[in-house]
Amino acid sequence: MLARFGGEPIFDLARAEFSRADGHVYQFNYRGESYPCLVPEYSSDGGHLNQAGLGVAAAEFLSFLRRAVGVSEHGNGD
């Protein structure tokens, strides 16, 4: 998608799922390589978002929409 629509605003849900509140990426290592993965606190079963994860994803999505339409976090367009 990024290659095809790179110039368009694209919400990256996966980034929200693997980014901790402090901005660090949660990762696992496999055969010497690091891969981003779902933050454990955002899931109760390791594969689906729990309430905390849904809240993080929703907040990130709202922030994305604000940026896409040019509205500040305070809602005044600054």
N, C-alpha and C. Protein backbone atom coordinates (compact mmCIF):
# COMPACT_ATOMS: atom_id res chain seq x y z
N MET A 1 0.82 -1.19 0.00
CA MET A 1 0.00 0.00 0.00
C MET A 1 0.86 1.25 0.00
N LEU A 2 1.90 1.24 0.83
CA LEU A 2 2.75 2.42 0.89
C LEU A 2 3.43 2.69 -0.44
N ALA A 3 3.83 1.64 -1.16
CA ALA A 3 4.46 1.83 -2.46
C ALA A 3 3.46 2.40 -3.46
N ARG A 4 2.25 1.91 -3.42
CA ARG A 4 1.21 2.35 -4.38
C ARG A 4 0.62 3.70 -4.04
N PHE A 5 0.38 3.96 -2.75
CA PHE A 5 -0.30 5.18 -2.32
C PHE A 5 0.58 6.02 -1.40
N GLY A 6 1.89 5.96 -1.58
CA GLY A 6 2.84 6.64 -0.71
C GLY A 6 2.60 8.12 -0.51
N GLY A 7 2.03 8.80 -1.47
CA GLY A 7 1.78 10.23 -1.35
C GLY A 7 0.47 10.57 -0.65
N GLU A 8 -0.32 9.56 -0.37
CA GLU A 8 -1.63 9.75 0.27
C GLU A 8 -1.53 9.48 1.77
N PRO A 9 -2.40 10.11 2.55
CA PRO A 9 -2.42 9.76 3.98
C PRO A 9 -2.89 8.32 4.18
N ILE A 10 -2.11 7.53 4.89
CA ILE A 10 -2.45 6.14 5.17
C ILE A 10 -2.30 5.89 6.66
N PHE A 11 -3.35 5.39 7.29
CA PHE A 11 -3.27 5.05 8.71
C PHE A 11 -2.63 3.68 8.85
N ASP A 12 -1.58 3.62 9.65
CA ASP A 12 -0.84 2.39 9.86
C ASP A 12 -1.25 1.77 11.20
N LEU A 13 -2.27 0.92 11.18
CA LEU A 13 -2.75 0.28 12.40
C LEU A 13 -1.66 -0.57 13.03
N ALA A 14 -0.89 -1.26 12.22
CA ALA A 14 0.18 -2.11 12.76
C ALA A 14 1.16 -1.29 13.60
N ARG A 15 1.49 -0.09 13.13
CA ARG A 15 2.41 0.77 13.90
C ARG A 15 1.82 1.09 15.27
N ALA A 16 0.54 1.36 15.33
CA ALA A 16 -0.11 1.63 16.62
C ALA A 16 -0.06 0.39 17.51
N GLU A 17 -0.18 -0.78 16.91
CA GLU A 17 -0.20 -2.02 17.68
C GLU A 17 1.17 -2.40 18.23
N PHE A 18 2.25 -2.00 17.56
CA PHE A 18 3.58 -2.37 18.06
C PHE A 18 4.35 -1.23 18.71
N SER A 19 3.74 -0.05 18.80
CA SER A 19 4.41 1.10 19.44
C SER A 19 3.92 1.28 20.87
N ARG A 20 4.87 1.31 21.79
CA ARG A 20 4.54 1.56 23.19
C ARG A 20 4.21 3.04 23.38
N ALA A 21 3.61 3.37 24.51
CA ALA A 21 3.23 4.75 24.80
C ALA A 21 4.42 5.70 24.75
N ASP A 22 5.62 5.20 25.08
CA ASP A 22 6.80 6.07 25.05
C ASP A 22 7.43 6.16 23.66
N GLY A 23 6.80 5.52 22.67
CA GLY A 23 7.28 5.60 21.30
C GLY A 23 8.20 4.46 20.88
N HIS A 24 8.66 3.68 21.83
CA HIS A 24 9.54 2.56 21.49
C HIS A 24 8.74 1.44 20.82
N VAL A 25 9.38 0.77 19.89
CA VAL A 25 8.76 -0.33 19.16
C VAL A 25 9.00 -1.63 19.92
N TYR A 26 7.93 -2.38 20.16
CA TYR A 26 8.05 -3.69 20.79
C TYR A 26 8.44 -4.68 19.71
N GLN A 27 9.46 -5.49 19.97
CA GLN A 27 9.98 -6.39 18.96
C GLN A 27 10.28 -7.76 19.54
N PHE A 28 10.36 -8.75 18.65
CA PHE A 28 10.89 -10.05 19.04
C PHE A 28 12.02 -10.38 18.07
N ASN A 29 12.91 -11.22 18.50
CA ASN A 29 14.05 -11.62 17.68
C ASN A 29 13.87 -13.06 17.22
N TYR A 30 14.19 -13.28 15.95
CA TYR A 30 14.11 -14.61 15.37
C TYR A 30 15.26 -14.77 14.40
N ARG A 31 16.10 -15.74 14.68
CA ARG A 31 17.25 -16.04 13.82
C ARG A 31 18.09 -14.79 13.53
N GLY A 32 18.32 -14.03 14.57
CA GLY A 32 19.18 -12.87 14.45
C GLY A 32 18.54 -11.63 13.86
N GLU A 33 17.27 -11.69 13.55
CA GLU A 33 16.55 -10.53 13.00
C GLU A 33 15.51 -10.06 14.01
N SER A 34 15.27 -8.75 14.05
CA SER A 34 14.24 -8.17 14.92
C SER A 34 13.01 -7.84 14.09
N TYR A 35 11.85 -8.13 14.67
CA TYR A 35 10.58 -7.87 14.00
C TYR A 35 9.63 -7.18 14.96
N PRO A 36 8.92 -6.14 14.51
CA PRO A 36 7.93 -5.52 15.38
C PRO A 36 6.76 -6.46 15.59
N CYS A 37 6.17 -6.40 16.78
CA CYS A 37 5.01 -7.24 17.06
C CYS A 37 4.11 -6.55 18.09
N LEU A 38 2.95 -7.10 18.26
CA LEU A 38 1.92 -6.56 19.13
C LEU A 38 2.44 -6.41 20.57
N VAL A 39 2.27 -5.22 21.12
CA VAL A 39 2.66 -4.96 22.51
C VAL A 39 1.80 -5.86 23.41
N PRO A 40 2.42 -6.64 24.29
CA PRO A 40 1.65 -7.58 25.12
C PRO A 40 0.54 -6.92 25.94
N GLU A 41 0.75 -5.71 26.41
CA GLU A 41 -0.26 -5.03 27.21
C GLU A 41 -1.49 -4.63 26.40
N TYR A 42 -1.38 -4.67 25.07
CA TYR A 42 -2.49 -4.28 24.20
C TYR A 42 -3.37 -5.48 23.82
N SER A 43 -3.05 -6.66 24.36
CA SER A 43 -3.78 -7.87 23.97
C SER A 43 -3.91 -8.82 25.15
N SER A 44 -5.02 -9.54 25.19
CA SER A 44 -5.18 -10.56 26.23
C SER A 44 -4.92 -11.96 25.68
N ASP A 45 -4.89 -12.10 24.34
CA ASP A 45 -4.67 -13.42 23.75
C ASP A 45 -3.47 -13.46 22.79
N GLY A 46 -2.74 -12.36 22.69
CA GLY A 46 -1.56 -12.31 21.84
C GLY A 46 -1.84 -12.06 20.38
N GLY A 47 -3.10 -11.90 20.02
CA GLY A 47 -3.43 -11.71 18.61
C GLY A 47 -4.50 -10.66 18.33
N HIS A 48 -5.26 -10.32 19.37
CA HIS A 48 -6.35 -9.36 19.20
C HIS A 48 -6.22 -8.26 20.24
N LEU A 49 -6.64 -7.06 19.86
CA LEU A 49 -6.56 -5.94 20.79
C LEU A 49 -7.56 -6.09 21.93
N ASN A 50 -7.09 -5.78 23.14
CA ASN A 50 -7.98 -5.71 24.29
C ASN A 50 -8.45 -4.26 24.44
N GLN A 51 -9.09 -3.92 25.53
CA GLN A 51 -9.60 -2.56 25.71
C GLN A 51 -8.47 -1.53 25.68
N ALA A 52 -7.36 -1.83 26.32
CA ALA A 52 -6.22 -0.90 26.31
C ALA A 52 -5.71 -0.71 24.89
N GLY A 53 -5.56 -1.80 24.16
CA GLY A 53 -5.08 -1.73 22.79
C GLY A 53 -6.05 -0.99 21.87
N LEU A 54 -7.34 -1.22 22.07
CA LEU A 54 -8.34 -0.51 21.27
C LEU A 54 -8.28 0.99 21.55
N GLY A 55 -8.07 1.35 22.81
CA GLY A 55 -7.95 2.77 23.16
C GLY A 55 -6.75 3.42 22.50
N VAL A 56 -5.63 2.71 22.50
CA VAL A 56 -4.42 3.23 21.85
C VAL A 56 -4.66 3.39 20.35
N ALA A 57 -5.22 2.36 19.72
CA ALA A 57 -5.47 2.42 18.28
C ALA A 57 -6.45 3.54 17.93
N ALA A 58 -7.49 3.70 18.72
CA ALA A 58 -8.48 4.75 18.47
C ALA A 58 -7.85 6.13 18.61
N ALA A 59 -7.05 6.33 19.64
CA ALA A 59 -6.38 7.62 19.84
C ALA A 59 -5.43 7.92 18.68
N GLU A 60 -4.69 6.92 18.23
CA GLU A 60 -3.78 7.11 17.10
C GLU A 60 -4.56 7.43 15.82
N PHE A 61 -5.70 6.76 15.65
CA PHE A 61 -6.51 7.01 14.45
C PHE A 61 -7.07 8.43 14.46
N LEU A 62 -7.55 8.88 15.61
CA LEU A 62 -8.06 10.26 15.70
C LEU A 62 -6.96 11.27 15.44
N SER A 63 -5.78 11.02 15.96
CA SER A 63 -4.64 11.90 15.71
C SER A 63 -4.31 11.92 14.22
N PHE A 64 -4.33 10.75 13.58
CA PHE A 64 -4.09 10.66 12.14
C PHE A 64 -5.13 11.49 11.37
N LEU A 65 -6.40 11.36 11.73
CA LEU A 65 -7.45 12.12 11.04
C LEU A 65 -7.25 13.62 11.21
N ARG A 66 -6.88 14.04 12.42
CA ARG A 66 -6.63 15.47 12.65
C ARG A 66 -5.51 15.97 11.74
N ARG A 67 -4.43 15.22 11.66
CA ARG A 67 -3.31 15.62 10.80
C ARG A 67 -3.73 15.63 9.33
N ALA A 68 -4.51 14.63 8.92
CA ALA A 68 -4.92 14.51 7.52
C ALA A 68 -5.78 15.68 7.06
N VAL A 69 -6.59 16.21 7.96
CA VAL A 69 -7.46 17.33 7.58
C VAL A 69 -6.92 18.67 8.06
N GLY A 70 -5.76 18.66 8.71
CA GLY A 70 -5.12 19.90 9.12
C GLY A 70 -5.69 20.54 10.36
N VAL A 71 -6.21 19.73 11.27
CA VAL A 71 -6.75 20.25 12.53
C VAL A 71 -5.77 19.91 13.65
N SER A 72 -5.48 20.88 14.51
CA SER A 72 -4.54 20.64 15.60
C SER A 72 -5.17 19.74 16.65
N GLU A 73 -4.35 19.28 17.57
CA GLU A 73 -4.83 18.45 18.68
C GLU A 73 -5.85 19.20 19.52
N HIS A 74 -5.83 20.53 19.45
CA HIS A 74 -6.77 21.35 20.23
C HIS A 74 -8.03 21.67 19.44
N GLY A 75 -8.09 21.18 18.18
CA GLY A 75 -9.30 21.32 17.38
C GLY A 75 -9.49 22.65 16.71
N ASN A 76 -8.44 23.50 16.66
CA ASN A 76 -8.64 24.84 16.09
C ASN A 76 -7.94 25.05 14.76
N GLY A 77 -7.37 24.01 14.16
CA GLY A 77 -6.76 24.16 12.86
C GLY A 77 -5.36 24.77 12.87
N ASP A 78 -4.81 25.00 14.05
CA ASP A 78 -3.45 25.58 14.15
C ASP A 78 -2.40 24.52 14.04
